[in-house]
Protein backbone atom coordinates (compact mmCIF):
# COMPACT_ATOMS: atom_id res chain seq x y z
CA UNK A 1 74.95 -49.68 -32.18
CA UNK A 2 74.55 -53.13 -33.58
CA UNK A 3 74.47 -54.48 -30.18
CA UNK A 4 71.53 -52.03 -29.33
CA UNK A 5 69.56 -53.25 -32.31
CA UNK A 6 70.03 -56.71 -31.35
CA UNK A 7 67.96 -55.96 -27.86
CA UNK A 8 65.38 -53.89 -29.69
CA UNK A 9 62.10 -55.66 -30.51
CA UNK A 10 58.95 -54.12 -31.85
CA UNK A 11 57.36 -54.98 -28.44
CA UNK A 12 60.18 -53.29 -26.46
CA UNK A 13 59.97 -50.07 -28.72
CA UNK A 14 56.18 -49.94 -28.27
CA UNK A 15 56.39 -50.29 -24.43
CA UNK A 16 59.23 -47.65 -24.19
CA UNK A 17 56.70 -45.35 -26.25
CA UNK A 18 53.65 -46.23 -24.20
CA UNK A 19 55.80 -45.45 -20.96
CA UNK A 20 56.89 -42.12 -22.29
CA UNK A 21 53.24 -41.15 -23.04
CA UNK A 22 52.02 -42.22 -19.57
CA UNK A 23 54.75 -40.36 -17.83
CA UNK A 24 54.43 -37.34 -19.81
CA UNK A 25 50.67 -37.37 -19.54
CA UNK A 26 50.70 -37.63 -15.68
CA UNK A 27 53.14 -34.84 -15.38
CA UNK A 28 50.86 -32.68 -17.32
CA UNK A 29 47.96 -33.52 -15.54
CA UNK A 30 49.35 -32.68 -11.96
CA UNK A 31 51.01 -29.43 -13.35
CA UNK A 32 49.38 -26.47 -11.67
CA UNK A 33 47.40 -23.88 -13.98
CA UNK A 34 48.43 -20.38 -13.92
CA UNK A 35 46.34 -17.59 -12.34
CA UNK A 36 43.57 -16.71 -14.90
CA UNK A 37 44.83 -19.40 -17.14
CA UNK A 38 41.37 -20.74 -17.93
CA UNK A 39 39.41 -18.11 -19.80
CA UNK A 40 35.61 -17.82 -20.51
CA UNK A 41 36.26 -18.92 -24.18
CA UNK A 42 37.91 -22.10 -22.89
CA UNK A 43 34.71 -23.04 -21.16
CA UNK A 44 32.15 -24.93 -23.02
CA UNK A 45 28.31 -23.81 -22.62
CA UNK A 46 26.90 -25.40 -19.67
CA UNK A 47 30.16 -26.83 -18.17
CA UNK A 48 29.98 -24.47 -15.06
CA UNK A 49 27.09 -25.40 -13.04
CA UNK A 50 25.87 -24.65 -9.53
CA UNK A 51 27.30 -27.97 -8.24
CA UNK A 52 30.60 -26.71 -9.45
CA UNK A 53 30.60 -23.51 -7.60
CA UNK A 54 31.64 -22.95 -4.04
CA UNK A 55 29.28 -21.21 -1.62
CA UNK A 56 29.62 -17.52 -2.09
CA UNK A 57 31.60 -17.79 -5.16
CA UNK A 58 29.42 -15.45 -7.09
CA UNK A 59 28.97 -12.06 -5.45
CA UNK A 60 27.04 -8.97 -6.32
CA UNK A 61 30.27 -7.51 -7.80
CA UNK A 62 30.62 -10.53 -10.10
CA UNK A 63 27.23 -9.96 -11.68
CA UNK A 64 26.68 -7.31 -14.32
CA UNK A 65 23.53 -5.06 -14.32
CA UNK A 66 20.48 -6.72 -15.91
CA UNK A 67 22.21 -10.14 -15.86
CA UNK A 68 19.66 -11.68 -13.40
CA UNK A 69 16.24 -11.25 -14.93
CA UNK A 70 12.98 -12.51 -13.59
CA UNK A 71 12.96 -15.78 -15.87
CA UNK A 72 16.17 -16.64 -14.16
CA UNK A 73 14.79 -16.56 -10.56
CA UNK A 74 12.68 -19.48 -9.40
CA UNK A 75 9.48 -19.33 -7.77
CA UNK A 76 9.96 -18.49 -3.86
CA UNK A 77 13.84 -18.31 -4.56
CA UNK A 78 13.72 -14.49 -3.05
CA UNK A 79 12.16 -14.03 0.42
CA UNK A 80 11.59 -11.24 2.48
CA UNK A 81 14.36 -12.22 4.68
CA UNK A 82 16.74 -11.78 1.38
CA UNK A 83 15.60 -8.27 0.50
CA UNK A 84 17.37 -5.53 2.25
CA UNK A 85 15.23 -2.72 4.15
CA UNK A 86 14.23 -0.21 1.43
CA UNK A 87 15.44 -2.07 -1.50
CA UNK A 88 12.21 -2.34 -3.28
CA UNK A 89 10.86 1.01 -4.19
CA UNK A 90 7.28 1.73 -5.77
CA UNK A 91 8.80 2.64 -9.03
CA UNK A 92 10.10 -0.98 -9.33
CA UNK A 93 6.51 -2.49 -8.70
CA UNK A 94 4.07 -3.02 -11.58
CA UNK A 95 0.47 -2.10 -11.30
CA UNK A 96 -1.48 -4.65 -9.27
CA UNK A 97 1.78 -6.29 -7.70
CA UNK A 98 0.88 -5.96 -4.28
CA UNK A 99 -2.74 -6.91 -3.26
CA UNK A 100 -4.20 -7.17 -0.02
CA UNK A 101 -3.58 -10.81 0.04
CA UNK A 102 0.21 -10.05 0.09
CA UNK A 103 0.20 -7.62 3.05
CA UNK A 104 0.43 -8.85 6.65
CA UNK A 105 -1.88 -7.50 9.29
CA UNK A 106 -0.89 -4.06 10.00
CA UNK A 107 1.84 -3.55 7.63
CA UNK A 108 0.40 -0.46 6.46
CA UNK A 109 0.32 2.12 9.08
CA UNK A 110 -0.48 5.86 9.03
CA UNK A 111 3.16 7.00 8.55
CA UNK A 112 3.43 5.14 5.37
CA UNK A 113 0.36 6.71 3.75
CA UNK A 114 0.97 9.97 2.03
CA UNK A 115 -1.26 12.85 2.94
CA UNK A 116 -4.23 12.97 0.41
CA UNK A 117 -3.26 9.58 -1.12
CA UNK A 118 -6.90 7.81 0.06
CA UNK A 119 -9.52 9.73 -1.67
CA UNK A 120 -13.25 8.88 -1.42
CA UNK A 121 -12.90 7.03 -4.98
CA UNK A 122 -10.63 4.51 -3.15
CA UNK A 123 -13.16 3.64 -0.17
CA UNK A 124 -16.01 1.20 -0.60
CA UNK A 125 -19.50 2.53 -0.96
CA UNK A 126 -20.69 1.00 2.25
CA UNK A 127 -17.87 2.33 4.14
CA UNK A 128 -18.20 5.72 2.63
CA UNK A 129 -21.73 6.18 3.77
CA UNK A 130 -20.72 5.79 7.17
CA UNK A 131 -18.05 8.67 7.19
CA UNK A 132 -19.15 12.20 7.93
CA UNK A 133 -17.51 14.42 5.20
CA UNK A 134 -17.55 18.44 5.02
CA UNK A 135 -19.32 19.09 8.03
CA UNK A 136 -21.18 22.64 8.06
CA UNK A 137 -22.95 24.31 10.95
CA UNK A 138 -25.81 26.54 10.41
CA UNK A 139 -28.52 28.29 12.49
CA UNK A 140 -31.52 30.39 12.01
CA UNK A 141 -33.16 32.90 14.48
CA UNK A 142 -36.91 34.00 14.74
CA UNK A 143 -37.60 37.70 15.19
CA UNK A 144 -37.74 38.72 18.77
CA UNK A 145 -41.36 39.55 19.40
CA UNK A 146 -44.32 38.54 21.44
CA UNK A 147 -46.14 36.34 18.85
CA UNK A 148 -47.95 33.38 20.40
CA UNK A 149 -45.99 30.73 18.60
CA UNK A 150 -42.97 30.34 16.46
CA UNK A 151 -41.28 28.06 14.16
CA UNK A 152 -37.84 28.38 12.52
CA UNK A 153 -35.86 25.98 10.17
CA UNK A 154 -32.09 26.17 9.94
CA UNK A 155 -31.57 24.78 6.40
CA UNK A 156 -28.38 22.88 5.16
CA UNK A 157 -26.34 24.25 2.26
CA UNK A 158 -27.08 22.58 -1.13
CA UNK A 159 -25.86 19.21 -1.53
CA UNK A 160 -25.68 18.24 2.24
CA UNK A 161 -28.29 16.82 4.69
CA UNK A 162 -28.75 17.30 8.41
CA UNK A 163 -27.14 14.78 10.73
CA UNK A 164 -28.06 16.64 13.98
CA UNK A 165 -29.42 19.69 15.39
CA UNK A 166 -31.14 21.65 18.36
CA UNK A 167 -32.81 24.58 19.41
CA UNK A 168 -32.71 27.49 21.93
CA UNK A 169 -35.27 29.99 23.40
CA UNK A 170 -34.21 33.64 24.06
CA UNK A 171 -35.68 36.85 25.53
CA UNK A 172 -38.34 37.02 28.29
CA UNK A 173 -39.30 33.31 29.05
CA UNK A 174 -41.67 33.40 31.72
CA UNK A 175 -44.54 31.53 29.68
CA UNK A 176 -42.87 30.31 26.99
CA UNK A 177 -42.00 26.52 26.06
CA UNK A 178 -39.84 24.74 23.51
CA UNK A 179 -42.62 22.31 21.90
CA UNK A 180 -40.51 20.44 19.19
CA UNK A 181 -36.90 19.99 17.63
CA UNK A 182 -36.43 17.58 14.84
CA UNK A 183 -34.99 17.18 11.36
CA UNK A 184 -36.96 18.85 8.29
CA UNK A 185 -37.53 16.33 5.67
CA UNK A 186 -38.14 17.87 2.16
CA UNK A 187 -40.60 16.29 -0.32
CA UNK A 188 -37.40 14.48 -2.02
CA UNK A 189 -37.11 12.47 1.25
CA UNK A 190 -33.74 14.30 2.18
CA UNK A 191 -33.34 15.67 5.31
CA UNK A 192 -32.36 19.38 4.33
CA UNK A 193 -32.32 21.21 7.77
CA UNK A 194 -33.61 21.45 11.43
CA UNK A 195 -36.70 22.97 12.72
CA UNK A 196 -37.85 23.99 16.04
CA UNK A 197 -41.22 24.82 17.40
CA UNK A 198 -42.14 27.04 20.44
CA UNK A 199 -45.30 28.16 22.15
CA UNK A 200 -46.26 30.57 24.89
CA UNK A 201 -48.18 28.67 27.86
CA UNK A 202 -51.00 29.74 30.07
CA UNK A 203 -52.68 32.95 29.24
CA UNK A 204 -49.62 34.07 27.39
CA UNK A 205 -47.18 37.00 27.64
CA UNK A 206 -46.82 40.32 26.13
CA UNK A 207 -42.70 40.26 26.61
CA UNK A 208 -40.51 39.66 23.57
CA UNK A 209 -39.03 36.45 22.89
CA UNK A 210 -37.13 34.50 20.09
CA UNK A 211 -36.54 30.91 19.10
CA UNK A 212 -33.26 29.76 17.49
CA UNK A 213 -32.68 26.47 15.63
CA UNK A 214 -28.99 24.75 14.75
CA UNK A 215 -28.25 22.30 12.22
CA UNK A 216 -25.20 20.07 11.80
CA UNK A 217 -24.98 19.33 7.99
CA UNK A 218 -22.81 17.10 5.90
CA UNK A 219 -22.05 15.43 2.65
CA UNK A 220 -23.74 11.97 2.75
């Protein structure tokens, strides 16, 4: 023991301690961690960032419901190629989210529009004026007799105007001619019907004949 004391100096003791700590630290550093040894509580806030995650490490199963909000998604991060077919339903879209500028040409086809989904209130006034709606066909016939001239008007239902029409003669027509067939314009300026005109020709005839007018009416 006295022999050992003669060889121990403060410098030797400090060197031995340093060597022990170095060897112990190295051994600790390279010792493998057990499965699930690092818990969430052992990680400081912000210690795990995207650079420390390998590709594909975070899957759908590892994300709890509601964890990914709109504020956590960078603009343009989710493109159409990253959305599965049918993944986005109408219930998940807010009002005014889908505008005409976000629809590609021919994106909306007839098969994607519900019956009755497009009403007149959703059409522009200029386009609506070009559409024939609620068409009605009406006709009117004069008495069948031997009158020299006849005039008859087929009148459209209330709220509709004439968009076309015609006339027809019937009965004995040896000396009868159709002299006019045109829209009937009311004092309001609306075309409310179709009027036809006919007259006996030459010396006239005693046989009976008739005049019929047809009108094609629609809402305008």
